[in-house]
Protein backbone atom coordinates (compact mmCIF):
# COMPACT_ATOMS: atom_id res chain seq x y z
CA MET A 1 48.69 36.43 -28.23
CA SER A 2 46.04 37.83 -28.62
CA SER A 3 43.28 37.51 -32.18
CA LEU A 4 42.68 39.58 -34.70
CA HIS A 5 38.98 39.94 -33.14
CA ASP A 6 40.89 40.64 -29.84
CA THR A 7 42.45 43.78 -31.93
CA GLY A 8 40.05 46.16 -32.57
CA VAL A 9 40.45 45.07 -36.50
CA HIS A 10 37.14 44.94 -38.38
CA PRO A 11 34.71 41.87 -38.93
CA SER A 12 35.53 42.77 -43.02
CA LEU A 13 39.61 43.37 -42.53
CA LYS A 14 39.88 40.29 -40.61
CA SER A 15 38.09 37.98 -43.13
CA ARG A 16 40.34 39.55 -45.91
CA ILE A 17 43.55 38.69 -44.19
CA ASN A 18 42.07 35.02 -43.77
CA ALA A 19 41.26 34.22 -47.52
CA SER A 20 44.97 36.22 -48.82
CA SER A 21 46.42 33.86 -46.09
CA THR A 22 44.68 31.33 -47.81
CA GLN A 23 45.43 31.74 -50.81
CA LEU A 24 49.58 32.32 -50.27
CA ASP A 25 49.00 29.47 -48.45
CA GLN A 26 47.93 28.20 -52.00
CA LEU A 27 50.20 29.65 -54.03
CA ALA A 28 53.31 28.42 -51.20
CA ALA A 29 51.98 24.92 -52.42
CA GLU A 30 51.78 25.21 -56.11
CA ILE A 31 55.30 26.32 -56.11
CA ALA A 32 57.14 24.03 -54.86
CA GLU A 33 54.79 21.01 -56.64
CA LEU A 34 56.46 23.69 -59.72
CA HIS A 35 59.48 22.98 -58.20
CA GLU A 36 59.20 19.61 -57.41
CA LEU A 37 58.24 19.23 -61.41
CA HIS A 38 61.35 21.24 -62.36
CA ALA A 39 63.77 18.70 -60.43
CA LYS A 40 62.07 15.80 -62.64
CA SER A 41 62.40 17.43 -65.42
CA HIS A 42 65.85 17.43 -64.85
CA ARG A 43 66.92 15.26 -63.04
CA PHE A 44 68.41 12.17 -65.91
CA ARG A 45 69.76 14.68 -68.01
CA LEU A 46 71.86 15.89 -64.34
CA CYS A 47 72.96 12.24 -63.58
CA LYS A 48 73.96 11.66 -67.44
CA LEU A 49 75.81 14.99 -67.70
CA ALA A 50 77.47 14.03 -63.88
CA SER A 51 78.29 10.21 -65.15
CA LYS A 52 80.00 12.29 -68.39
CA ILE A 53 81.98 13.86 -66.53
CA LEU A 54 83.43 10.70 -63.81
CA LEU A 55 83.99 8.71 -67.21
CA VAL A 56 86.07 11.76 -69.22
CA ALA A 57 87.70 12.45 -65.84
CA SER A 58 88.39 8.32 -65.26
CA GLY A 59 89.97 7.79 -68.04
CA GLU A 60 87.98 5.23 -68.46
CA PRO A 61 84.87 6.42 -71.60
CA PHE A 62 84.97 3.47 -72.49
CA LEU A 63 82.62 1.68 -70.23
CA THR A 64 84.96 -0.05 -67.35
CA SER A 65 82.70 -1.25 -64.24
CA ALA A 66 84.53 0.77 -60.84
CA PRO A 67 86.84 3.56 -62.43
CA PHE A 68 87.19 4.86 -59.82
CA LYS A 69 87.24 2.02 -57.66
CA SER A 70 90.70 0.60 -59.76
CA ARG A 71 92.57 3.83 -59.61
CA GLY A 72 92.11 3.16 -55.01
CA VAL A 73 91.77 5.94 -53.11
CA SER A 74 95.74 6.80 -52.18
CA ASP A 75 95.60 8.00 -56.20
CA PRO A 76 96.71 11.45 -56.68
CA SER A 77 93.73 12.39 -58.74
CA THR A 78 91.25 10.93 -56.52
CA LEU A 79 92.38 12.56 -53.44
CA ALA A 80 92.48 16.33 -55.50
CA VAL A 81 89.09 15.59 -56.29
CA ALA A 82 88.10 14.67 -53.00
CA ALA A 83 89.08 16.97 -51.02
CA ALA A 84 87.44 19.70 -53.43
CA LEU A 85 83.92 17.97 -52.90
CA GLU A 86 85.09 18.34 -48.71
CA THR A 87 84.63 14.54 -49.32
CA THR A 88 86.66 11.82 -48.29
CA ALA A 89 88.56 9.23 -51.08
CA GLN A 90 86.65 6.60 -50.47
CA ASP A 91 83.37 8.39 -49.73
CA PHE A 92 84.14 9.98 -53.76
CA ILE A 93 85.04 6.28 -54.73
CA ALA A 94 81.55 4.78 -54.29
CA ALA A 95 79.67 8.19 -55.95
CA ALA A 96 81.41 8.29 -58.78
CA ASP A 97 81.37 4.83 -59.38
CA GLY A 98 77.50 4.23 -58.74
CA ILE A 99 77.32 7.73 -60.80
CA VAL A 100 79.19 5.32 -63.43
CA ALA A 101 77.37 2.45 -63.17
CA ARG A 102 73.46 4.35 -63.75
CA HIS A 103 74.35 5.73 -66.59
CA ASN A 104 77.19 3.44 -68.16
CA ARG A 105 77.60 4.45 -72.31
CA ALA A 106 80.58 5.23 -73.66
CA ILE A 107 81.35 9.19 -74.29
CA ARG A 108 82.37 9.49 -78.15
CA PRO A 109 84.95 12.46 -78.17
CA HIS A 110 83.26 15.61 -79.59
CA GLU A 111 81.04 15.00 -76.28
CA VAL A 112 84.62 16.17 -73.72
CA ASP A 113 83.89 19.47 -75.78
CA GLU A 114 80.33 19.91 -75.17
CA LEU A 115 80.86 19.26 -71.50
CA ASP A 116 82.08 22.67 -70.64
CA GLU A 117 78.50 24.34 -71.82
CA ALA A 118 76.56 21.45 -70.87
CA VAL A 119 78.08 21.78 -67.35
CA GLU A 120 77.55 25.61 -67.54
CA GLU A 121 73.80 25.25 -68.73
CA MET A 122 73.41 22.83 -66.13
CA THR A 123 74.32 24.34 -63.28
CA CYS A 124 72.00 27.14 -63.83
CA LEU A 125 69.10 24.53 -63.65
CA ILE A 126 69.78 22.85 -60.74
CA THR A 127 67.56 23.72 -57.78
CA PRO A 128 67.05 22.84 -54.02
CA ALA A 129 64.53 20.23 -55.09
CA LEU A 130 67.08 18.51 -58.39
CA GLU A 131 69.46 18.84 -55.38
CA LYS A 132 67.54 16.51 -53.22
CA MET A 133 67.20 14.15 -55.95
CA ALA A 134 70.18 13.60 -57.02
CA GLN A 135 73.14 15.22 -54.09
CA TRP A 136 75.96 13.48 -55.59
CA GLU A 137 74.95 14.05 -59.21
CA CYS A 138 74.49 18.19 -58.63
CA ILE A 139 78.01 17.81 -56.31
CA VAL A 140 79.88 16.44 -59.25
CA VAL A 141 78.21 19.39 -62.04
CA LYS A 142 78.72 21.61 -59.82
CA ASN A 143 82.30 21.25 -59.06
CA TYR A 144 82.91 20.32 -62.50
CA ALA A 145 85.84 23.08 -62.62
CA ALA A 146 88.01 20.99 -59.76
CA ILE A 147 87.23 17.83 -61.74
CA ARG A 148 88.57 18.73 -64.94
CA SER A 149 91.73 20.02 -62.87
CA ALA A 150 92.79 17.66 -61.36
CA PHE A 151 91.95 14.47 -63.63
CA SER A 152 93.68 17.49 -66.70
CA ALA A 153 95.66 14.38 -68.46
CA SER A 154 91.67 13.14 -69.55
CA PHE A 155 90.03 15.81 -69.73
CA ASN A 156 93.00 16.96 -72.35
CA SER A 157 93.01 13.61 -73.54
CA LYS A 158 90.71 13.56 -76.89
CA ALA A 159 92.85 10.80 -77.96
CA ALA A 160 91.93 8.34 -75.30
CA LEU A 161 89.29 8.69 -76.30
CA ALA A 162 89.02 7.72 -80.11
CA ALA A 163 90.72 4.91 -80.10
């Protein structure tokens, strides 16, 4: 491969090209750092939201330690969500119960009404960097509609939340 000098490029142009290349590399590094900061700033909110979705779906909004494990791998709703997420029921159960365990708190009835809006907002904020930090939480939020559909009785039963 020939160098810029060998191709007859004027030295001042070569210098400007090299400077521009260096500036582009610096900008790319700054952009990557900003993506990382963005992801960190939204990670906690994402994890809390994923936990809320799963707690409501489980029908156990008042905190059992492993709400999906107690349903079992043959539960139709668990199988439906696992299929929607293109994973096994075992992997879904492990991930879902892990998310719930990390952000274990009760869900108030009004929070169920707010889930649709919160999911819509959070979905817009998910970046590759955030997906790298919180893969399963992103999967849960992105597939909220499938989860809500599979566990529709839990999402539509605010009376269970208020009990």
